[in-house]
Amino acid sequence: MKKTTRTITTSICTLLLLIVEAAAQTPTATATPNQLTTEQKAALTEALTLNRRVLDLNAARRFDEAVPLAEQVIKLRRVALGESDAQVAEAISNLAALYVGKQDYDRAETEYRRALTIYENLGGLQPHMGYVLDSLALLRWSRSDYNKAEAYAKSAIDLKEKLHGAWSAELIESLNVLIKIYDSAGKSSQRNAVLVRLIAILETTKDTLNDRQSLVRYYCSLRQGKETPEIEAMTRRIEALLKWEPARPSPMSVGVLNGRALSLPRPPYPDEARKAHASGTVVVEVEIDECGNVASAKAVSGPALLRKVCESAAKRAQFTPTMINGTPIRVMGVIQFNFVAL
């Protein structure tokens, strides 16, 4: 394989896991809730529960444990919805993403193609099909199969254009994939044309400017080539994007947040801490974003052996968004975890 396994794994894992929890409770192309039997509804409920477990295991990089659960989700959805349903395709693409995590790219590609076939047979504009196409493009790119990789990437862009518009932020990931392909294939003029489009989208949707590392890489690549007015203009525009910072007010401080949590996972008691009889209160300072998610978490006091697990638990907490005059805002506060030595 020409590309490093770390590069391909990182690239695809930023695209997926498509854990679609709400899908099991909403109408599909082949069945509506009123048409489902009690057994079918039970199968979808079980699939939803397993899917959440798959998400947790994937986040913990415990792929071997997650794979059989993901396979069970596929079986349950097939029982309830049939072989050719979008939710089945989503479950298959989840399984493919786990194989990417395991660095079993042959199996991952096989599963992505199975999902793609279902989407193609369903017809119409299937939103998650774009992510499957992006992943297949990256897998073909990793094998230096640039022609097929380009075809997949262009199909993803075409689909997302129809769904979201030609200048939507939804296209950013697919454009990045196509730039990667053209760069590796030595097609600099095609790469530059796509890069100009990417820059234009980023200039109008700056709030989506999360991947600055890729922009830096593009900038350095352009500077290493022949200087032309086109290249000079592109590098200036990238410089301006890299200098841009969103205007964000300082988060409001709201004190202890334990009682305001919708969900607050209990951190485990690590074996090392248990052996040391570590106990006490760990205080974790957190920033809660406008959606009620924990944007950052840092333990500021408490036994050192217990801080890491408390930070991890705090990051998984969920809160009701804080509103001011009907507008959600970011807030700062602390979460306290109490431990008693065993």
C-alpha atoms as a PDB file:
ATOM      1  CA  MET A   1       0.000   0.000   0.000  1.00  0.00           C
ATOM      2  CA  LYS A   2       1.491   3.331  -1.063  1.00  0.00           C
ATOM      3  CA  LYS A   3       0.031   5.569   1.643  1.00  0.00           C
ATOM      4  CA  THR A   4       0.736   5.042   5.337  1.00  0.00           C
ATOM      5  CA  THR A   5      -1.896   3.205   7.334  1.00  0.00           C
ATOM      6  CA  ARG A   6      -1.964   6.052   9.858  1.00  0.00           C
ATOM      7  CA  THR A   7      -2.818   8.598   7.145  1.00  0.00           C
ATOM      8  CA  ILE A   8      -5.660   6.599   5.612  1.00  0.00           C
ATOM      9  CA  THR A   9      -7.094   5.597   8.997  1.00  0.00           C
ATOM     10  CA  THR A  10      -7.068   9.181  10.257  1.00  0.00           C
ATOM     11  CA  SER A  11      -8.580  10.510   7.035  1.00  0.00           C
ATOM     12  CA  ILE A  12     -11.515   8.112   6.994  1.00  0.00           C
ATOM     13  CA  CYS A  13     -12.168   8.173  10.730  1.00  0.00           C
ATOM     14  CA  THR A  14     -12.714  11.912  10.489  1.00  0.00           C
ATOM     15  CA  LEU A  15     -15.590  11.174   8.101  1.00  0.00           C
ATOM     16  CA  LEU A  16     -17.477   8.441   9.893  1.00  0.00           C
ATOM     17  CA  LEU A  17     -18.912   6.681  12.251  1.00  0.00           C
ATOM     18  CA  LEU A  18     -22.492   7.116  11.040  1.00  0.00           C
ATOM     19  CA  ILE A  19     -24.294   6.312  14.265  1.00  0.00           C
ATOM     20  CA  VAL A  20     -27.811   7.459  13.389  1.00  0.00           C
ATOM     21  CA  GLU A  21     -29.741   6.997  16.612  1.00  0.00           C
ATOM     22  CA  ALA A  22     -32.921   8.769  15.545  1.00  0.00           C
ATOM     23  CA  ALA A  23     -33.254   6.713  12.383  1.00  0.00           C
ATOM     24  CA  ALA A  24     -34.601   3.672  14.217  1.00  0.00           C
ATOM     25  CA  GLN A  25     -37.597   5.674  15.386  1.00  0.00           C
ATOM     26  CA  THR A  26     -38.510   7.508  12.188  1.00  0.00           C
ATOM     27  CA  PRO A  27     -40.283   6.475   8.967  1.00  0.00           C
ATOM     28  CA  THR A  28     -38.127   4.953   6.242  1.00  0.00           C
ATOM     29  CA  ALA A  29     -38.513   4.509   2.510  1.00  0.00           C
ATOM     30  CA  THR A  30     -39.831   0.964   2.967  1.00  0.00           C
ATOM     31  CA  ALA A  31     -41.788   1.093   6.209  1.00  0.00           C
ATOM     32  CA  THR A  32     -43.510   3.495   8.575  1.00  0.00           C
ATOM     33  CA  PRO A  33     -43.960   2.960  12.323  1.00  0.00           C
ATOM     34  CA  ASN A  34     -47.649   2.096  11.831  1.00  0.00           C
ATOM     35  CA  GLN A  35     -46.698  -0.688   9.417  1.00  0.00           C
ATOM     36  CA  LEU A  36     -44.185  -2.313  11.757  1.00  0.00           C
ATOM     37  CA  THR A  37     -45.105  -5.273  13.921  1.00  0.00           C
ATOM     38  CA  THR A  38     -44.341  -5.436  17.621  1.00  0.00           C
ATOM     39  CA  GLU A  39     -41.412  -7.753  16.864  1.00  0.00           C
ATOM     40  CA  GLN A  40     -40.016  -5.364  14.250  1.00  0.00           C
ATOM     41  CA  LYS A  41     -40.252  -2.393  16.612  1.00  0.00           C
ATOM     42  CA  ALA A  42     -38.504  -4.426  19.306  1.00  0.00           C
ATOM     43  CA  ALA A  43     -35.722  -5.295  16.841  1.00  0.00           C
ATOM     44  CA  LEU A  44     -35.204  -1.616  15.992  1.00  0.00           C
ATOM     45  CA  THR A  45     -35.142  -0.666  19.667  1.00  0.00           C
ATOM     46  CA  GLU A  46     -32.496  -3.306  20.347  1.00  0.00           C
ATOM     47  CA  ALA A  47     -30.520  -2.111  17.326  1.00  0.00           C
ATOM     48  CA  LEU A  48     -30.607   1.434  18.687  1.00  0.00           C
ATOM     49  CA  THR A  49     -29.239   0.303  22.044  1.00  0.00           C
ATOM     50  CA  LEU A  50     -26.476  -1.721  20.399  1.00  0.00           C
ATOM     51  CA  ASN A  51     -25.621   1.209  18.130  1.00  0.00           C
ATOM     52  CA  ARG A  52     -24.973   3.412  21.136  1.00  0.00           C
ATOM     53  CA  ARG A  53     -22.669   0.750  22.560  1.00  0.00           C
ATOM     54  CA  VAL A  54     -20.838   0.561  19.223  1.00  0.00           C
ATOM     55  CA  LEU A  55     -20.304   4.331  19.403  1.00  0.00           C
ATOM     56  CA  ASP A  56     -18.803   4.072  22.882  1.00  0.00           C
ATOM     57  CA  LEU A  57     -16.510   1.209  21.880  1.00  0.00           C
ATOM     58  CA  ASN A  58     -15.430   3.018  18.723  1.00  0.00           C
ATOM     59  CA  ALA A  59     -14.547   6.114  20.759  1.00  0.00           C
ATOM     60  CA  ALA A  60     -12.472   3.886  23.045  1.00  0.00           C
ATOM     61  CA  ARG A  61     -10.842   2.266  19.977  1.00  0.00           C
ATOM     62  CA  ARG A  62     -12.077  -1.166  21.100  1.00  0.00           C
ATOM     63  CA  PHE A  63     -12.849  -2.197  17.546  1.00  0.00           C
ATOM     64  CA  ASP A  64     -12.745  -5.965  18.060  1.00  0.00           C
ATOM     65  CA  GLU A  65     -15.519  -5.684  20.632  1.00  0.00           C
ATOM     66  CA  ALA A  66     -17.527  -3.308  18.484  1.00  0.00           C
ATOM     67  CA  VAL A  67     -17.529  -5.363  15.274  1.00  0.00           C
ATOM     68  CA  PRO A  68     -19.857  -8.206  16.407  1.00  0.00           C
ATOM     69  CA  LEU A  69     -22.265  -5.657  17.870  1.00  0.00           C
ATOM     70  CA  ALA A  70     -22.287  -3.695  14.614  1.00  0.00           C
ATOM     71  CA  GLU A  71     -22.983  -6.938  12.727  1.00  0.00           C
ATOM     72  CA  GLN A  72     -25.905  -7.619  15.077  1.00  0.00           C
ATOM     73  CA  VAL A  73     -27.322  -4.155  14.339  1.00  0.00           C
ATOM     74  CA  ILE A  74     -27.290  -5.012  10.632  1.00  0.00           C
ATOM     75  CA  LYS A  75     -29.143  -8.275  11.268  1.00  0.00           C
ATOM     76  CA  LEU A  76     -31.767  -6.617  13.466  1.00  0.00           C
ATOM     77  CA  ARG A  77     -32.447  -3.869  10.937  1.00  0.00           C
ATOM     78  CA  ARG A  78     -32.727  -6.395   8.142  1.00  0.00           C
ATOM     79  CA  VAL A  79     -35.313  -8.335  10.165  1.00  0.00           C
ATOM     80  CA  ALA A  80     -37.354  -5.181  10.766  1.00  0.00           C
ATOM     81  CA  LEU A  81     -36.883  -3.328   7.491  1.00  0.00           C
ATOM     82  CA  GLY A  82     -35.684  -5.760   4.826  1.00  0.00           C
ATOM     83  CA  GLU A  83     -32.420  -6.073   2.933  1.00  0.00           C
ATOM     84  CA  SER A  84     -32.611  -2.800   0.990  1.00  0.00           C
ATOM     85  CA  ASP A  85     -33.288  -0.027   3.478  1.00  0.00           C
ATOM     86  CA  ALA A  86     -31.264   3.123   4.143  1.00  0.00           C
ATOM     87  CA  GLN A  87     -30.904   2.211   7.811  1.00  0.00           C
ATOM     88  CA  VAL A  88     -29.368  -1.123   6.831  1.00  0.00           C
ATOM     89  CA  ALA A  89     -26.907   0.721   4.596  1.00  0.00           C
ATOM     90  CA  GLU A  90     -26.034   3.069   7.466  1.00  0.00           C
ATOM     91  CA  ALA A  91     -25.391   0.093   9.758  1.00  0.00           C
ATOM     92  CA  ILE A  92     -23.153  -1.515   7.118  1.00  0.00           C
ATOM     93  CA  SER A  93     -21.179   1.714   6.726  1.00  0.00           C
ATOM     94  CA  ASN A  94     -20.732   1.785  10.515  1.00  0.00           C
ATOM     95  CA  LEU A  95     -19.233  -1.690  10.316  1.00  0.00           C
ATOM     96  CA  ALA A  96     -16.957  -0.552   7.489  1.00  0.00           C
ATOM     97  CA  ALA A  97     -15.713   2.350   9.617  1.00  0.00           C
ATOM     98  CA  LEU A  98     -14.798  -0.089  12.387  1.00  0.00           C
ATOM     99  CA  TYR A  99     -12.742  -2.115   9.921  1.00  0.00           C
ATOM    100  CA  VAL A 100     -10.955   1.097   8.989  1.00  0.00           C
ATOM    101  CA  GLY A 101     -10.119   1.481  12.678  1.00  0.00           C
ATOM    102  CA  LYS A 102      -8.770  -2.083  12.628  1.00  0.00           C
ATOM    103  CA  GLN A 103      -6.752  -1.147   9.510  1.00  0.00           C
ATOM    104  CA  ASP A 104      -8.451  -3.962   7.591  1.00  0.00           C
ATOM    105  CA  TYR A 105      -8.971  -1.838   4.496  1.00  0.00           C
ATOM    106  CA  ASP A 106      -9.953  -4.679   2.169  1.00  0.00           C
ATOM    107  CA  ARG A 107     -12.872  -5.626   4.401  1.00  0.00           C
ATOM    108  CA  ALA A 108     -13.739  -1.967   4.941  1.00  0.00           C
ATOM    109  CA  GLU A 109     -13.954  -1.372   1.197  1.00  0.00           C
ATOM    110  CA  THR A 110     -16.126  -4.460   0.749  1.00  0.00           C
ATOM    111  CA  GLU A 111     -18.583  -3.195   3.368  1.00  0.00           C
ATOM    112  CA  TYR A 112     -18.656   0.340   1.991  1.00  0.00           C
ATOM    113  CA  ARG A 113     -19.463  -1.059  -1.444  1.00  0.00           C
ATOM    114  CA  ARG A 114     -22.310  -3.114   0.031  1.00  0.00           C
ATOM    115  CA  ALA A 115     -23.730   0.048   1.569  1.00  0.00           C
ATOM    116  CA  LEU A 116     -23.268   1.967  -1.671  1.00  0.00           C
ATOM    117  CA  THR A 117     -25.162  -0.690  -3.642  1.00  0.00           C
ATOM    118  CA  ILE A 118     -28.148  -0.366  -1.316  1.00  0.00           C
ATOM    119  CA  TYR A 119     -28.162   3.426  -1.664  1.00  0.00           C
ATOM    120  CA  GLU A 120     -27.912   3.214  -5.452  1.00  0.00           C
ATOM    121  CA  ASN A 121     -30.785   0.724  -5.617  1.00  0.00           C
ATOM    122  CA  LEU A 122     -32.943   2.993  -3.459  1.00  0.00           C
ATOM    123  CA  GLY A 123     -32.411   5.867  -5.871  1.00  0.00           C
ATOM    124  CA  GLY A 124     -33.036   9.508  -5.076  1.00  0.00           C
ATOM    125  CA  LEU A 125     -30.788  11.650  -2.906  1.00  0.00           C
ATOM    126  CA  GLN A 126     -29.547   9.536  -0.002  1.00  0.00           C
ATOM    127  CA  PRO A 127     -27.662  11.916   2.347  1.00  0.00           C
ATOM    128  CA  HIS A 128     -25.239   9.411   3.922  1.00  0.00           C
ATOM    129  CA  MET A 129     -24.271   8.089   0.515  1.00  0.00           C
ATOM    130  CA  GLY A 130     -21.913  11.056   0.191  1.00  0.00           C
ATOM    131  CA  TYR A 131     -19.877   9.933   3.193  1.00  0.00           C
ATOM    132  CA  VAL A 132     -19.660   6.392   1.833  1.00  0.00           C
ATOM    133  CA  LEU A 133     -18.408   7.754  -1.499  1.00  0.00           C
ATOM    134  CA  ASP A 134     -15.807   9.911   0.285  1.00  0.00           C
ATOM    135  CA  SER A 135     -14.552   6.874   2.198  1.00  0.00           C
ATOM    136  CA  LEU A 136     -14.318   4.743  -0.932  1.00  0.00           C
ATOM    137  CA  ALA A 137     -12.425   7.556  -2.635  1.00  0.00           C
ATOM    138  CA  LEU A 138      -9.894   7.614   0.211  1.00  0.00           C
ATOM    139  CA  LEU A 139      -9.491   3.834   0.146  1.00  0.00           C
ATOM    140  CA  ARG A 140      -8.834   3.882  -3.610  1.00  0.00           C
ATOM    141  CA  TRP A 141      -6.450   6.823  -3.117  1.00  0.00           C
ATOM    142  CA  SER A 142      -4.541   4.803  -0.508  1.00  0.00           C
ATOM    143  CA  ARG A 143      -3.908   2.186  -3.205  1.00  0.00           C
ATOM    144  CA  SER A 144      -2.851   4.825  -5.753  1.00  0.00           C
ATOM    145  CA  ASP A 145      -5.917   3.987  -7.861  1.00  0.00           C
ATOM    146  CA  TYR A 146      -6.407   7.661  -8.665  1.00  0.00           C
ATOM    147  CA  ASN A 147      -8.892   7.275 -11.526  1.00  0.00           C
ATOM    148  CA  LYS A 148     -11.416   5.341  -9.454  1.00  0.00           C
ATOM    149  CA  ALA A 149     -10.728   7.527  -6.416  1.00  0.00           C
ATOM    150  CA  GLU A 150     -11.464  10.617  -8.509  1.00  0.00           C
ATOM    151  CA  ALA A 151     -14.722   9.107  -9.765  1.00  0.00           C
ATOM    152  CA  TYR A 152     -15.914   8.375  -6.215  1.00  0.00           C
ATOM    153  CA  ALA A 153     -14.940  11.846  -4.980  1.00  0.00           C
ATOM    154  CA  LYS A 154     -16.695  13.581  -7.875  1.00  0.00           C
ATOM    155  CA  SER A 155     -19.820  11.501  -7.276  1.00  0.00           C
ATOM    156  CA  ALA A 156     -19.802  12.601  -3.628  1.00  0.00           C
ATOM    157  CA  ILE A 157     -19.472  16.242  -4.647  1.00  0.00           C
ATOM    158  CA  ASP A 158     -22.277  15.924  -7.209  1.00  0.00           C
ATOM    159  CA  LEU A 159     -24.590  14.348  -4.626  1.00  0.00           C
ATOM    160  CA  LYS A 160     -23.847  16.973  -1.987  1.00  0.00           C
ATOM    161  CA  GLU A 161     -24.332  19.785  -4.506  1.00  0.00           C
ATOM    162  CA  LYS A 162     -27.828  18.497  -5.240  1.00  0.00           C
ATOM    163  CA  LEU A 163     -28.624  18.114  -1.556  1.00  0.00           C
ATOM    164  CA  HIS A 164     -27.076  21.278  -0.153  1.00  0.00           C
ATOM    165  CA  GLY A 165     -26.109  23.628  -2.982  1.00  0.00           C
ATOM    166  CA  ALA A 166     -22.930  24.272  -4.931  1.00  0.00           C
ATOM    167  CA  TRP A 167     -21.340  26.509  -2.275  1.00  0.00           C
ATOM    168  CA  SER A 168     -22.392  24.722   0.873  1.00  0.00           C
ATOM    169  CA  ALA A 169     -20.011  23.865   3.701  1.00  0.00           C
ATOM    170  CA  GLU A 170     -21.182  20.271   3.282  1.00  0.00           C
ATOM    171  CA  LEU A 171     -18.861  20.028   0.262  1.00  0.00           C
ATOM    172  CA  ILE A 172     -15.694  20.888   2.170  1.00  0.00           C
ATOM    173  CA  GLU A 173     -14.723  17.335   3.123  1.00  0.00           C
ATOM    174  CA  SER A 174     -15.323  15.973  -0.383  1.00  0.00           C
ATOM    175  CA  LEU A 175     -13.313  18.806  -1.945  1.00  0.00           C
ATOM    176  CA  ASN A 176     -10.459  18.060   0.468  1.00  0.00           C
ATOM    177  CA  VAL A 177     -10.543  14.430  -0.631  1.00  0.00           C
ATOM    178  CA  LEU A 178     -10.426  15.373  -4.313  1.00  0.00           C
ATOM    179  CA  ILE A 179      -7.531  17.781  -3.693  1.00  0.00           C
ATOM    180  CA  LYS A 180      -5.643  14.970  -1.958  1.00  0.00           C
ATOM    181  CA  ILE A 181      -6.214  12.703  -4.969  1.00  0.00           C
ATOM    182  CA  TYR A 182      -5.106  15.274  -7.546  1.00  0.00           C
ATOM    183  CA  ASP A 183      -2.050  16.177  -5.457  1.00  0.00           C
ATOM    184  CA  SER A 184      -0.918  12.542  -5.285  1.00  0.00           C
ATOM    185  CA  ALA A 185      -1.636  12.034  -8.988  1.00  0.00           C
ATOM    186  CA  GLY A 186       0.487  15.050  -9.911  1.00  0.00           C
ATOM    187  CA  LYS A 187      -2.477  16.887 -11.480  1.00  0.00           C
ATOM    188  CA  SER A 188      -1.585  20.335 -10.201  1.00  0.00           C
ATOM    189  CA  SER A 189      -3.910  22.336 -12.471  1.00  0.00           C
ATOM    190  CA  GLN A 190      -6.943  20.230 -11.468  1.00  0.00           C
ATOM    191  CA  ARG A 191      -5.889  20.448  -7.816  1.00  0.00           C
ATOM    192  CA  ASN A 192      -5.610  24.218  -7.998  1.00  0.00           C
ATOM    193  CA  ALA A 193      -9.059  24.559  -9.581  1.00  0.00           C
ATOM    194  CA  VAL A 194     -10.633  22.553  -6.755  1.00  0.00           C
ATOM    195  CA  LEU A 195      -8.578  24.448  -4.168  1.00  0.00           C
ATOM    196  CA  VAL A 196      -9.881  27.788  -5.483  1.00  0.00           C
ATOM    197  CA  ARG A 197     -13.411  26.524  -5.003  1.00  0.00           C
ATOM    198  CA  LEU A 198     -12.612  25.261  -1.499  1.00  0.00           C
ATOM    199  CA  ILE A 199     -11.107  28.617  -0.537  1.00  0.00           C
ATOM    200  CA  ALA A 200     -14.200  30.439  -1.817  1.00  0.00           C
ATOM    201  CA  ILE A 201     -16.496  28.248   0.293  1.00  0.00           C
ATOM    202  CA  LEU A 202     -14.329  28.712   3.392  1.00  0.00           C
ATOM    203  CA  GLU A 203     -14.335  32.476   2.881  1.00  0.00           C
ATOM    204  CA  THR A 204     -18.142  32.533   3.004  1.00  0.00           C
ATOM    205  CA  THR A 205     -18.602  29.902   5.729  1.00  0.00           C
ATOM    206  CA  LYS A 206     -15.754  30.715   8.106  1.00  0.00           C
ATOM    207  CA  ASP A 207     -17.457  29.105  11.076  1.00  0.00           C
ATOM    208  CA  THR A 208     -16.675  25.743   9.439  1.00  0.00           C
ATOM    209  CA  LEU A 209     -12.930  26.521   9.366  1.00  0.00           C
ATOM    210  CA  ASN A 210     -11.888  23.680  11.665  1.00  0.00           C
ATOM    211  CA  ASP A 211      -9.201  21.974   9.594  1.00  0.00           C
ATOM    212  CA  ARG A 212      -6.451  24.590   9.557  1.00  0.00           C
ATOM    213  CA  GLN A 213      -3.804  21.895   9.247  1.00  0.00           C
ATOM    214  CA  SER A 214      -4.951  21.050   5.716  1.00  0.00           C
ATOM    215  CA  LEU A 215      -4.882  24.719   4.747  1.00  0.00           C
ATOM    216  CA  VAL A 216      -1.319  25.013   6.036  1.00  0.00           C
ATOM    217  CA  ARG A 217      -0.372  21.946   4.004  1.00  0.00           C
ATOM    218  CA  TYR A 218      -1.930  23.426   0.857  1.00  0.00           C
ATOM    219  CA  TYR A 219      -0.169  26.720   1.501  1.00  0.00           C
ATOM    220  CA  CYS A 220       3.242  25.069   1.840  1.00  0.00           C
ATOM    221  CA  SER A 221       2.648  22.959  -1.268  1.00  0.00           C
ATOM    222  CA  LEU A 222       1.759  26.030  -3.307  1.00  0.00           C
ATOM    223  CA  ARG A 223       4.805  27.949  -2.075  1.00  0.00           C
ATOM    224  CA  GLN A 224       7.087  25.101  -3.122  1.00  0.00           C
ATOM    225  CA  GLY A 225       5.902  25.279  -6.735  1.00  0.00           C
ATOM    226  CA  LYS A 226       6.425  27.836  -9.463  1.00  0.00           C
ATOM    227  CA  GLU A 227       5.308  31.334  -8.516  1.00  0.00           C
ATOM    228  CA  THR A 228       2.522  32.584 -10.781  1.00  0.00           C
ATOM    229  CA  PRO A 229      -0.110  35.305 -10.313  1.00  0.00           C
ATOM    230  CA  GLU A 230      -2.688  32.540  -9.730  1.00  0.00           C
ATOM    231  CA  ILE A 231      -0.566  30.862  -7.044  1.00  0.00           C
ATOM    232  CA  GLU A 232       0.232  34.180  -5.397  1.00  0.00           C
ATOM    233  CA  ALA A 233      -3.467  35.069  -5.206  1.00  0.00           C
ATOM    234  CA  MET A 234      -4.327  31.683  -3.712  1.00  0.00           C
ATOM    235  CA  THR A 235      -1.612  31.875  -1.059  1.00  0.00           C
ATOM    236  CA  ARG A 236      -2.753  35.377  -0.040  1.00  0.00           C
ATOM    237  CA  ARG A 237      -6.329  34.142   0.379  1.00  0.00           C
ATOM    238  CA  ILE A 238      -5.153  31.159   2.442  1.00  0.00           C
ATOM    239  CA  GLU A 239      -3.041  33.476   4.620  1.00  0.00           C
ATOM    240  CA  ALA A 240      -6.126  35.604   5.290  1.00  0.00           C
ATOM    241  CA  LEU A 241      -8.150  32.519   6.249  1.00  0.00           C
ATOM    242  CA  LEU A 242      -5.448  31.291   8.610  1.00  0.00           C
ATOM    243  CA  LYS A 243      -5.348  34.680  10.341  1.00  0.00           C
ATOM    244  CA  TRP A 244      -9.122  34.835  10.798  1.00  0.00           C
ATOM    245  CA  GLU A 245     -10.478  34.151  14.261  1.00  0.00           C
ATOM    246  CA  PRO A 246     -14.183  33.998  15.094  1.00  0.00           C
ATOM    247  CA  ALA A 247     -15.496  36.671  17.412  1.00  0.00           C
ATOM    248  CA  ARG A 248     -16.709  34.761  20.451  1.00  0.00           C
ATOM    249  CA  PRO A 249     -17.716  36.292  23.771  1.00  0.00           C
ATOM    250  CA  SER A 250     -16.153  34.953  26.947  1.00  0.00           C
ATOM    251  CA  PRO A 251     -18.267  32.139  28.407  1.00  0.00           C
ATOM    252  CA  MET A 252     -20.460  33.050  31.382  1.00  0.00           C
ATOM    253  CA  SER A 253     -19.468  31.406  34.681  1.00  0.00           C
ATOM    254  CA  VAL A 254     -22.334  29.454  36.267  1.00  0.00           C
ATOM    255  CA  GLY A 255     -20.663  27.588  39.147  1.00  0.00           C
ATOM    256  CA  VAL A 256     -21.282  23.908  39.966  1.00  0.00           C
ATOM    257  CA  LEU A 257     -23.038  22.125  37.102  1.00  0.00           C
ATOM    258  CA  ASN A 258     -23.792  18.654  38.516  1.00  0.00           C
ATOM    259  CA  GLY A 259     -27.458  19.428  39.160  1.00  0.00           C
ATOM    260  CA  ARG A 260     -27.960  20.840  35.658  1.00  0.00           C
ATOM    261  CA  ALA A 261     -26.747  17.776  33.776  1.00  0.00           C
ATOM    262  CA  LEU A 262     -29.138  15.860  31.547  1.00  0.00           C
ATOM    263  CA  SER A 263     -26.669  12.995  31.702  1.00  0.00           C
ATOM    264  CA  LEU A 264     -23.485  12.728  33.736  1.00  0.00           C
ATOM    265  CA  PRO A 265     -21.502   9.483  33.393  1.00  0.00           C
ATOM    266  CA  ARG A 266     -19.962   8.110  36.560  1.00  0.00           C
ATOM    267  CA  PRO A 267     -16.190   7.721  36.142  1.00  0.00           C
ATOM    268  CA  PRO A 268     -14.723   4.284  36.931  1.00  0.00           C
ATOM    269  CA  TYR A 269     -12.492   3.743  39.928  1.00  0.00           C
ATOM    270  CA  PRO A 270      -9.124   2.820  38.329  1.00  0.00           C
ATOM    271  CA  ASP A 271      -7.289  -0.207  39.675  1.00  0.00           C
ATOM    272  CA  GLU A 272      -4.226   1.913  40.380  1.00  0.00           C
ATOM    273  CA  ALA A 273      -6.312   4.348  42.450  1.00  0.00           C
ATOM    274  CA  ARG A 274      -8.067   1.459  44.202  1.00  0.00           C
ATOM    275  CA  LYS A 275      -4.746  -0.064  45.242  1.00  0.00           C
ATOM    276  CA  ALA A 276      -3.583   3.313  46.534  1.00  0.00           C
ATOM    277  CA  HIS A 277      -6.926   3.866  48.346  1.00  0.00           C
ATOM    278  CA  ALA A 278      -7.230   7.227  46.597  1.00  0.00           C
ATOM    279  CA  SER A 279     -10.312   9.160  47.658  1.00  0.00           C
ATOM    280  CA  GLY A 280     -11.783  12.645  47.769  1.00  0.00           C
ATOM    281  CA  THR A 281     -13.416  15.099  45.404  1.00  0.00           C
ATOM    282  CA  VAL A 282     -12.155  15.746  41.890  1.00  0.00           C
ATOM    283  CA  VAL A 283     -13.188  19.125  40.468  1.00  0.00           C
ATOM    284  CA  VAL A 284     -13.296  19.361  36.674  1.00  0.00           C
ATOM    285  CA  GLU A 285     -13.574  22.761  35.026  1.00  0.00           C
ATOM    286  CA  VAL A 286     -15.702  22.530  31.873  1.00  0.00           C
ATOM    287  CA  GLU A 287     -16.887  24.742  29.052  1.00  0.00           C
ATOM    288  CA  ILE A 288     -20.390  23.971  27.769  1.00  0.00           C
ATOM    289  CA  ASP A 289     -21.175  24.972  24.194  1.00  0.00           C
ATOM    290  CA  GLU A 290     -24.401  26.398  22.814  1.00  0.00           C
ATOM    291  CA  CYS A 291     -25.823  22.902  22.233  1.00  0.00           C
ATOM    292  CA  GLY A 292     -25.207  21.700  25.773  1.00  0.00           C
ATOM    293  CA  ASN A 293     -22.147  19.616  24.852  1.00  0.00           C
ATOM    294  CA  VAL A 294     -18.895  19.733  26.802  1.00  0.00           C
ATOM    295  CA  ALA A 295     -16.390  21.608  24.629  1.00  0.00           C
ATOM    296  CA  SER A 296     -13.461  21.219  27.044  1.00  0.00           C
ATOM    297  CA  ALA A 297     -12.787  19.609  30.395  1.00  0.00           C
ATOM    298  CA  LYS A 298      -9.784  19.919  32.714  1.00  0.00           C
ATOM    299  CA  ALA A 299      -9.412  18.544  36.233  1.00  0.00           C
ATOM    300  CA  VAL A 300      -8.175  21.373  38.484  1.00  0.00           C
ATOM    301  CA  SER A 301      -8.101  19.665  41.869  1.00  0.00           C
ATOM    302  CA  GLY A 302      -8.391  16.264  43.505  1.00  0.00           C
ATOM    303  CA  PRO A 303      -6.274  13.082  43.669  1.00  0.00           C
ATOM    304  CA  ALA A 304      -3.987  12.795  40.648  1.00  0.00           C
ATOM    305  CA  LEU A 305      -4.843   9.109  40.101  1.00  0.00           C
ATOM    306  CA  LEU A 306      -8.508  10.008  39.620  1.00  0.00           C
ATOM    307  CA  ARG A 307      -8.256  13.109  37.434  1.00  0.00           C
ATOM    308  CA  LYS A 308      -7.970  11.491  34.008  1.00  0.00           C
ATOM    309  CA  VAL A 309     -11.078   9.299  34.370  1.00  0.00           C
ATOM    310  CA  CYS A 310     -13.028  12.293  35.671  1.00  0.00           C
ATOM    311  CA  GLU A 311     -12.024  14.414  32.689  1.00  0.00           C
ATOM    312  CA  SER A 312     -13.153  11.619  30.336  1.00  0.00           C
ATOM    313  CA  ALA A 313     -16.498  11.287  32.142  1.00  0.00           C
ATOM    314  CA  ALA A 314     -17.044  15.047  32.106  1.00  0.00           C
ATOM    315  CA  LYS A 315     -16.469  15.215  28.339  1.00  0.00           C
ATOM    316  CA  ARG A 316     -19.346  12.766  27.816  1.00  0.00           C
ATOM    317  CA  ALA A 317     -21.815  14.759  29.928  1.00  0.00           C
ATOM    318  CA  GLN A 318     -24.795  16.495  28.358  1.00  0.00           C
ATOM    319  CA  PHE A 319     -26.503  19.674  29.569  1.00  0.00           C
ATOM    320  CA  THR A 320     -29.533  21.774  28.744  1.00  0.00           C
ATOM    321  CA  PRO A 321     -28.334  24.754  26.670  1.00  0.00           C
ATOM    322  CA  THR A 322     -28.125  28.009  28.609  1.00  0.00           C
ATOM    323  CA  MET A 323     -30.285  30.697  27.026  1.00  0.00           C
ATOM    324  CA  ILE A 324     -30.185  34.497  27.235  1.00  0.00           C
ATOM    325  CA  ASN A 325     -33.077  36.285  25.551  1.00  0.00           C
ATOM    326  CA  GLY A 326     -33.797  33.139  23.568  1.00  0.00           C
ATOM    327  CA  THR A 327     -30.202  32.790  22.324  1.00  0.00           C
ATOM    328  CA  PRO A 328     -28.028  29.844  23.456  1.00  0.00           C
ATOM    329  CA  ILE A 329     -24.670  30.835  24.929  1.00  0.00           C
ATOM    330  CA  ARG A 330     -21.469  29.160  26.101  1.00  0.00           C
ATOM    331  CA  VAL A 331     -20.919  28.831  29.836  1.00  0.00           C
ATOM    332  CA  MET A 332     -18.102  27.857  32.170  1.00  0.00           C
ATOM    333  CA  GLY A 333     -18.546  25.849  35.333  1.00  0.00           C
ATOM    334  CA  VAL A 334     -17.294  22.905  37.333  1.00  0.00           C
ATOM    335  CA  ILE A 335     -18.354  19.285  37.755  1.00  0.00           C
ATOM    336  CA  GLN A 336     -17.537  17.522  41.009  1.00  0.00           C
ATOM    337  CA  PHE A 337     -16.901  13.787  41.328  1.00  0.00           C
ATOM    338  CA  ASN A 338     -16.680  12.215  44.774  1.00  0.00           C
ATOM    339  CA  PHE A 339     -14.708   9.023  45.472  1.00  0.00           C
ATOM    340  CA  VAL A 340     -14.637   6.902  48.594  1.00  0.00           C
ATOM    341  CA  ALA A 341     -11.650   4.598  49.105  1.00  0.00           C
ATOM    342  CA  LEU A 342     -12.484   0.882  48.904  1.00  0.00           C
END
